[in-house]
Each structure stands twice: as C-alpha cells, then as structure tokens.
Amino acid sequence: MAGAEYEGQLLGTWGGIFPAWVFAALMLSLLVSALCTLDSALASAARLVVVELRLAPRSLMGRRFAMAVFMGPGAAMLGAVAYFARDGLFAAILLGLRRSA
C-alpha cells in the first residue's frame, strides 16, 4: 500500500488505514481466534493422551496435567522462534517487535 506509515508491516498498515476502534476490534478478534484455536488443540491433545493412549488417569486432573505437559514445550518453541526469528509478522505479533530500518 502506497504511503503506509509502516511499509511492509501488516499490523502497522492496518493501524494506519483503520480508525482506532476498528483496529482494536480487529486485534481483539484475532486474539479471540488464536485463543480458541489453542484451546481446541490442547483439548484434542489431552483427549489423545488420556482417553485414547491411556497415559494419564481419566479424570479432570489427568486432562489438565496433559494440557500442561503440552503447553510447556509449546511455549518453549514459541519463545525460541520469537528469539531467533525477530523479523517478520509472526515475531511482530508474538512480541510486538517492529522491524528496524
């Protein structure tokens, strides 16, 4: 987009062309979407471990434990990606980084 304040950055471009309330609503919808996707993935992983593979007791605590086990390496991978790949949209969303000129 010609004349964008943050050329080459999608979030910066959106922030420049949309009013503040539209941009905030868009960011909120992206956040809710990401959280719903994470919740679904963790629930499926917990079901696999507890119900299908029977590696944990079939209880609420067993499923919570399975979710916590999946979240640990997942958070470590996100941190590694954010640390080593500081350029790009994923890092910008994850850490709020702006690409230096």
Protein backbone atom coordinates (compact mmCIF):
# COMPACT_ATOMS: atom_id res chain seq x y z
CA MET A 1 0.00 0.00 0.00
CA ALA A 2 1.50 3.29 -1.06
CA GLY A 3 2.03 5.83 1.69
CA ALA A 4 1.69 3.41 4.59
CA GLU A 5 3.49 4.61 7.67
CA TYR A 6 5.00 1.19 8.41
CA GLU A 7 5.72 -0.06 4.95
CA GLY A 8 5.89 -3.84 4.69
CA GLN A 9 4.24 -4.49 8.05
CA LEU A 10 0.66 -5.65 8.01
CA LEU A 11 -0.27 -4.57 11.55
CA GLY A 12 1.30 -1.15 11.10
CA THR A 13 -0.51 -0.71 7.81
CA TRP A 14 -3.84 -1.71 9.37
CA GLY A 15 -3.19 0.71 12.22
CA GLY A 16 -2.62 3.47 9.71
CA ILE A 17 -5.64 2.93 7.49
CA PHE A 18 -8.34 1.96 10.00
CA PRO A 19 -9.75 4.13 12.79
CA ALA A 20 -8.52 3.22 16.26
CA TRP A 21 -11.75 1.48 17.30
CA VAL A 22 -11.80 -0.68 14.14
CA PHE A 23 -8.14 -1.60 14.63
CA ALA A 24 -8.81 -2.51 18.30
CA ALA A 25 -11.80 -4.65 17.30
CA LEU A 26 -9.71 -6.39 14.66
CA MET A 27 -6.90 -7.13 17.12
CA LEU A 28 -9.41 -8.39 19.69
CA SER A 29 -10.99 -10.72 17.13
CA LEU A 30 -7.55 -12.06 16.16
CA LEU A 31 -6.72 -12.66 19.82
CA VAL A 32 -10.00 -14.47 20.49
CA SER A 33 -9.49 -16.59 17.39
CA ALA A 34 -5.98 -17.55 18.48
CA LEU A 35 -7.15 -18.46 21.99
CA CYS A 36 -9.99 -20.61 20.64
CA THR A 37 -7.57 -22.43 18.36
CA LEU A 38 -5.18 -23.02 21.26
CA ASP A 39 -8.00 -24.29 23.47
CA SER A 40 -9.15 -26.71 20.79
CA ALA A 41 -5.63 -28.01 20.17
CA LEU A 42 -4.98 -28.55 23.88
CA ALA A 43 -8.32 -30.30 24.38
CA SER A 44 -7.59 -32.65 21.47
CA ALA A 45 -4.10 -33.38 22.79
CA ALA A 46 -5.46 -34.08 26.26
CA ARG A 47 -8.11 -36.40 24.84
CA LEU A 48 -5.47 -38.27 22.86
CA VAL A 49 -3.25 -38.76 25.91
CA VAL A 50 -5.98 -39.52 28.46
CA VAL A 51 -8.71 -41.34 26.54
CA GLU A 52 -7.00 -42.92 23.54
CA LEU A 53 -3.48 -43.68 24.78
CA ARG A 54 -4.40 -44.05 28.47
CA LEU A 55 -1.15 -42.44 29.63
CA ALA A 56 -2.85 -40.45 32.38
CA PRO A 57 -5.83 -41.14 34.64
CA ARG A 58 -9.22 -40.47 33.08
CA SER A 59 -10.17 -37.53 35.25
CA LEU A 60 -10.30 -33.78 35.06
CA MET A 61 -6.90 -33.56 36.75
CA GLY A 62 -5.44 -36.05 34.26
CA ARG A 63 -6.60 -33.90 31.34
CA ARG A 64 -5.30 -30.73 32.95
CA PHE A 65 -1.95 -32.38 33.51
CA ALA A 66 -1.81 -33.48 29.87
CA MET A 67 -2.61 -29.92 28.74
CA ALA A 68 0.14 -28.52 30.97
CA VAL A 69 2.63 -31.02 29.56
CA PHE A 70 1.77 -29.94 26.01
CA MET A 71 1.91 -26.23 26.90
CA GLY A 72 5.48 -26.38 28.27
CA PRO A 73 7.27 -27.41 25.06
CA GLY A 74 4.86 -25.29 23.03
CA ALA A 75 5.77 -22.17 24.98
CA ALA A 76 9.47 -23.02 24.67
CA MET A 77 9.13 -23.36 20.89
CA LEU A 78 7.29 -20.03 20.61
CA GLY A 79 9.97 -18.36 22.69
CA ALA A 80 12.72 -19.85 20.51
CA VAL A 81 11.00 -18.74 17.31
CA ALA A 82 10.50 -15.24 18.69
CA TYR A 83 14.13 -15.07 19.80
CA PHE A 84 15.75 -16.40 16.64
CA ALA A 85 13.28 -15.08 14.04
CA ARG A 86 12.95 -11.46 15.09
CA ASP A 87 11.96 -10.33 11.61
CA GLY A 88 8.51 -10.95 10.21
CA LEU A 89 4.85 -10.87 11.05
CA PHE A 90 4.92 -13.80 13.50
CA ALA A 91 7.55 -12.17 15.70
CA ALA A 92 5.76 -8.83 15.43
CA ILE A 93 2.54 -10.36 16.67
CA LEU A 94 4.18 -12.50 19.33
CA LEU A 95 6.42 -9.87 20.86
CA GLY A 96 5.19 -6.61 19.39
CA LEU A 97 8.51 -6.05 17.69
CA ARG A 98 8.95 -3.58 14.88
CA ARG A 99 11.42 -4.31 12.14
CA SER A 100 14.32 -1.89 12.32
CA ALA A 101 15.07 0.06 9.16
